[in-house]
PDB file of N, CA and C in Angstrom:
ATOM      1  N   UNK A   1     -21.447   9.201 150.686  1.00  0.00           N
ATOM      2  CA  UNK A   1     -21.610   8.805 149.371  1.00  0.00           C
ATOM      3  C   UNK A   1     -20.785   9.246 148.618  1.00  0.00           C
ATOM      4  N   UNK A   2     -21.433  10.445 148.069  1.00  0.00           N
ATOM      5  CA  UNK A   2     -21.126  11.899 146.863  1.00  0.00           C
ATOM      6  C   UNK A   2     -19.281  11.902 146.861  1.00  0.00           C
ATOM      7  N   UNK A   3     -18.557  11.629 147.840  1.00  0.00           N
ATOM      8  CA  UNK A   3     -17.478  11.591 147.503  1.00  0.00           C
ATOM      9  C   UNK A   3     -16.820  11.227 147.215  1.00  0.00           C
ATOM     10  N   UNK A   4     -16.844   9.347 147.558  1.00  0.00           N
ATOM     11  CA  UNK A   4     -16.648   8.601 146.963  1.00  0.00           C
ATOM     12  C   UNK A   4     -17.091   8.376 145.029  1.00  0.00           C
ATOM     13  N   UNK A   5     -18.053   8.633 144.823  1.00  0.00           N
ATOM     14  CA  UNK A   5     -18.760   8.408 143.644  1.00  0.00           C
ATOM     15  C   UNK A   5     -18.529   8.949 142.608  1.00  0.00           C
ATOM     16  N   UNK A   6     -17.931  10.421 143.098  1.00  0.00           N
ATOM     17  CA  UNK A   6     -18.068  11.707 142.511  1.00  0.00           C
ATOM     18  C   UNK A   6     -19.280  12.324 142.200  1.00  0.00           C
ATOM     19  N   UNK A   7     -19.498  12.233 140.780  1.00  0.00           N
ATOM     20  CA  UNK A   7     -20.742  13.049 140.076  1.00  0.00           C
ATOM     21  C   UNK A   7     -21.038  11.631 139.439  1.00  0.00           C
ATOM     22  N   UNK A   8     -20.632  10.394 139.228  1.00  0.00           N
ATOM     23  CA  UNK A   8     -21.307   9.777 138.345  1.00  0.00           C
ATOM     24  C   UNK A   8     -22.556   8.511 138.669  1.00  0.00           C
ATOM     25  N   UNK A   9     -22.142   8.956 140.123  1.00  0.00           N
ATOM     26  CA  UNK A   9     -23.761   8.395 140.806  1.00  0.00           C
ATOM     27  C   UNK A   9     -23.957   6.761 140.652  1.00  0.00           C
ATOM     28  N   UNK A  10     -24.792   6.022 140.975  1.00  0.00           N
ATOM     29  CA  UNK A  10     -25.010   4.326 140.898  1.00  0.00           C
ATOM     30  C   UNK A  10     -25.422   4.256 139.884  1.00  0.00           C
ATOM     31  N   UNK A  11     -25.642   3.490 139.176  1.00  0.00           N
ATOM     32  CA  UNK A  11     -26.244   2.769 138.332  1.00  0.00           C
ATOM     33  C   UNK A  11     -26.445   1.471 138.264  1.00  0.00           C
ATOM     34  N   UNK A  12     -27.366   0.394 137.896  1.00  0.00           N
ATOM     35  CA  UNK A  12     -27.197  -1.306 137.755  1.00  0.00           C
ATOM     36  C   UNK A  12     -26.925  -1.489 136.680  1.00  0.00           C
ATOM     37  N   UNK A  13     -26.478  -1.989 136.069  1.00  0.00           N
ATOM     38  CA  UNK A  13     -25.879  -3.201 134.857  1.00  0.00           C
ATOM     39  C   UNK A  13     -26.679  -4.135 135.408  1.00  0.00           C
ATOM     40  N   UNK A  14     -27.592  -3.669 133.740  1.00  0.00           N
ATOM     41  CA  UNK A  14     -28.895  -4.953 133.685  1.00  0.00           C
ATOM     42  C   UNK A  14     -27.836  -5.816 132.097  1.00  0.00           C
ATOM     43  N   UNK A  15     -27.119  -5.110 131.259  1.00  0.00           N
ATOM     44  CA  UNK A  15     -26.753  -5.827 130.541  1.00  0.00           C
ATOM     45  C   UNK A  15     -25.786  -6.438 130.825  1.00  0.00           C
ATOM     46  N   UNK A  16     -25.930  -8.084 130.300  1.00  0.00           N
ATOM     47  CA  UNK A  16     -24.493  -8.852 130.477  1.00  0.00           C
ATOM     48  C   UNK A  16     -23.113  -8.837 129.526  1.00  0.00           C
ATOM     49  N   UNK A  17     -23.190  -8.291 128.393  1.00  0.00           N
ATOM     50  CA  UNK A  17     -22.218  -7.721 127.691  1.00  0.00           C
ATOM     51  C   UNK A  17     -21.351  -6.647 128.421  1.00  0.00           C
ATOM     52  N   UNK A  18     -22.406  -5.367 129.069  1.00  0.00           N
ATOM     53  CA  UNK A  18     -21.834  -3.851 129.190  1.00  0.00           C
ATOM     54  C   UNK A  18     -21.186  -4.445 130.488  1.00  0.00           C
ATOM     55  N   UNK A  19     -22.251  -5.402 131.278  1.00  0.00           N
ATOM     56  CA  UNK A  19     -21.170  -5.661 132.639  1.00  0.00           C
ATOM     57  C   UNK A  19     -19.946  -6.663 132.758  1.00  0.00           C
ATOM     58  N   UNK A  20     -20.086  -7.430 131.396  1.00  0.00           N
ATOM     59  CA  UNK A  20     -18.611  -8.704 131.286  1.00  0.00           C
ATOM     60  C   UNK A  20     -17.729  -7.774 130.918  1.00  0.00           C
ATOM     61  N   UNK A  21     -17.826  -6.545 130.077  1.00  0.00           N
ATOM     62  CA  UNK A  21     -17.076  -5.954 129.985  1.00  0.00           C
ATOM     63  C   UNK A  21     -16.299  -4.595 131.236  1.00  0.00           C
ATOM     64  N   UNK A  22     -16.510  -4.508 131.822  1.00  0.00           N
ATOM     65  CA  UNK A  22     -16.315  -4.165 133.135  1.00  0.00           C
ATOM     66  C   UNK A  22     -15.427  -5.270 133.914  1.00  0.00           C
ATOM     67  N   UNK A  23     -15.838  -6.077 134.045  1.00  0.00           N
ATOM     68  CA  UNK A  23     -15.126  -6.928 134.926  1.00  0.00           C
ATOM     69  C   UNK A  23     -13.798  -8.112 133.868  1.00  0.00           C
ATOM     70  N   UNK A  24     -12.784  -7.914 135.112  1.00  0.00           N
ATOM     71  CA  UNK A  24     -12.335  -9.217 134.182  1.00  0.00           C
ATOM     72  C   UNK A  24     -12.425 -10.925 135.165  1.00  0.00           C
ATOM     73  N   UNK A  25     -13.083 -11.219 133.996  1.00  0.00           N
ATOM     74  CA  UNK A  25     -13.864 -12.223 134.887  1.00  0.00           C
ATOM     75  C   UNK A  25     -12.754 -13.629 135.303  1.00  0.00           C
ATOM     76  N   UNK A  26     -11.794 -13.398 134.562  1.00  0.00           N
ATOM     77  CA  UNK A  26     -10.694 -14.208 134.876  1.00  0.00           C
ATOM     78  C   UNK A  26      -9.835 -13.937 136.068  1.00  0.00           C
ATOM     79  N   UNK A  27      -9.463 -13.035 136.519  1.00  0.00           N
ATOM     80  CA  UNK A  27      -8.845 -12.762 137.855  1.00  0.00           C
ATOM     81  C   UNK A  27     -10.314 -12.814 138.786  1.00  0.00           C
ATOM     82  N   UNK A  28     -11.742 -12.851 138.519  1.00  0.00           N
ATOM     83  CA  UNK A  28     -12.530 -12.533 139.789  1.00  0.00           C
ATOM     84  C   UNK A  28     -12.450 -14.103 139.907  1.00  0.00           C
ATOM     85  N   UNK A  29     -12.388 -14.826 139.247  1.00  0.00           N
ATOM     86  CA  UNK A  29     -11.881 -16.355 139.149  1.00  0.00           C
ATOM     87  C   UNK A  29     -10.709 -16.746 140.035  1.00  0.00           C
ATOM     88  N   UNK A  30      -9.242 -16.265 139.760  1.00  0.00           N
ATOM     89  CA  UNK A  30      -8.732 -16.492 140.351  1.00  0.00           C
ATOM     90  C   UNK A  30      -8.558 -16.066 142.032  1.00  0.00           C
ATOM     91  N   UNK A  31      -9.127 -15.228 142.039  1.00  0.00           N
ATOM     92  CA  UNK A  31      -8.673 -14.290 143.179  1.00  0.00           C
ATOM     93  C   UNK A  31     -10.532 -14.252 144.579  1.00  0.00           C
ATOM     94  N   UNK A  32     -11.334 -15.082 143.399  1.00  0.00           N
ATOM     95  CA  UNK A  32     -12.953 -15.264 144.682  1.00  0.00           C
ATOM     96  C   UNK A  32     -13.124 -16.619 145.131  1.00  0.00           C
ATOM     97  N   UNK A  33     -13.267 -16.735 145.569  1.00  0.00           N
ATOM     98  CA  UNK A  33     -13.274 -18.297 146.047  1.00  0.00           C
ATOM     99  C   UNK A  33     -14.615 -18.534 145.572  1.00  0.00           C
ATOM    100  N   UNK A  34     -15.980 -17.160 146.325  1.00  0.00           N
ATOM    101  CA  UNK A  34     -17.297 -17.429 146.305  1.00  0.00           C
ATOM    102  C   UNK A  34     -17.544 -17.108 144.943  1.00  0.00           C
ATOM    103  N   UNK A  35     -16.852 -16.408 143.504  1.00  0.00           N
ATOM    104  CA  UNK A  35     -16.883 -16.119 142.285  1.00  0.00           C
ATOM    105  C   UNK A  35     -16.408 -17.767 141.642  1.00  0.00           C
ATOM    106  N   UNK A  36     -15.443 -18.560 142.051  1.00  0.00           N
ATOM    107  CA  UNK A  36     -15.184 -19.672 142.126  1.00  0.00           C
ATOM    108  C   UNK A  36     -16.465 -21.143 141.882  1.00  0.00           C
ATOM    109  N   UNK A  37     -16.713 -21.104 143.187  1.00  0.00           N
ATOM    110  CA  UNK A  37     -18.241 -21.856 143.664  1.00  0.00           C
ATOM    111  C   UNK A  37     -19.464 -21.486 142.898  1.00  0.00           C
ATOM    112  N   UNK A  38     -19.766 -20.081 142.675  1.00  0.00           N
ATOM    113  CA  UNK A  38     -20.676 -19.919 141.872  1.00  0.00           C
ATOM    114  C   UNK A  38     -20.638 -20.379 140.210  1.00  0.00           C
ATOM    115  N   UNK A  39     -19.250 -20.003 139.869  1.00  0.00           N
ATOM    116  CA  UNK A  39     -19.349 -20.613 138.837  1.00  0.00           C
ATOM    117  C   UNK A  39     -19.048 -22.227 138.605  1.00  0.00           C
ATOM    118  N   UNK A  40     -18.617 -23.044 139.312  1.00  0.00           N
ATOM    119  CA  UNK A  40     -18.257 -24.403 139.780  1.00  0.00           C
ATOM    120  C   UNK A  40     -20.235 -24.972 139.782  1.00  0.00           C
ATOM    121  N   UNK A  41     -20.718 -24.634 140.999  1.00  0.00           N
ATOM    122  CA  UNK A  41     -22.262 -24.792 140.807  1.00  0.00           C
ATOM    123  C   UNK A  41     -23.150 -24.324 139.096  1.00  0.00           C
ATOM    124  N   UNK A  42     -22.768 -23.210 138.651  1.00  0.00           N
ATOM    125  CA  UNK A  42     -23.276 -23.157 137.349  1.00  0.00           C
ATOM    126  C   UNK A  42     -22.833 -24.226 136.379  1.00  0.00           C
ATOM    127  N   UNK A  43     -21.798 -24.487 136.462  1.00  0.00           N
ATOM    128  CA  UNK A  43     -21.056 -25.423 135.440  1.00  0.00           C
ATOM    129  C   UNK A  43     -22.063 -27.294 136.021  1.00  0.00           C
ATOM    130  N   UNK A  44     -21.976 -27.194 137.133  1.00  0.00           N
ATOM    131  CA  UNK A  44     -22.650 -28.623 137.626  1.00  0.00           C
ATOM    132  C   UNK A  44     -23.987 -28.366 137.113  1.00  0.00           C
ATOM    133  N   UNK A  45     -24.690 -27.434 136.955  1.00  0.00           N
ATOM    134  CA  UNK A  45     -26.526 -27.241 136.850  1.00  0.00           C
ATOM    135  C   UNK A  45     -26.610 -27.271 135.452  1.00  0.00           C
ATOM    136  N   UNK A  46     -25.657 -26.832 134.627  1.00  0.00           N
ATOM    137  CA  UNK A  46     -25.669 -26.659 132.984  1.00  0.00           C
ATOM    138  C   UNK A  46     -25.935 -27.959 132.455  1.00  0.00           C
ATOM    139  N   UNK A  47     -24.426 -28.901 132.813  1.00  0.00           N
ATOM    140  CA  UNK A  47     -24.439 -30.338 132.687  1.00  0.00           C
ATOM    141  C   UNK A  47     -25.810 -31.327 131.966  1.00  0.00           C
ATOM    142  N   UNK A  48     -26.065 -31.913 131.425  1.00  0.00           N
ATOM    143  CA  UNK A  48     -27.057 -32.596 130.153  1.00  0.00           C
ATOM    144  C   UNK A  48     -27.345 -34.183 131.345  1.00  0.00           C
ATOM    145  N   UNK A  49     -27.829 -34.012 131.701  1.00  0.00           N
ATOM    146  CA  UNK A  49     -28.421 -35.472 132.452  1.00  0.00           C
ATOM    147  C   UNK A  49     -28.875 -36.431 132.054  1.00  0.00           C
TER     148      UNK A  49
END
């Protein structure tokens, strides 16, 4: 694993703004069916009833 990650190591990003700054959410939505499904579920479940 060290050969692939170099000296950075693994760390979990718990801070949402930091995570979203690392990920292109529009690209993820465009290229990932499972991400689109997740977003659609969030949208359906966050609508007032």
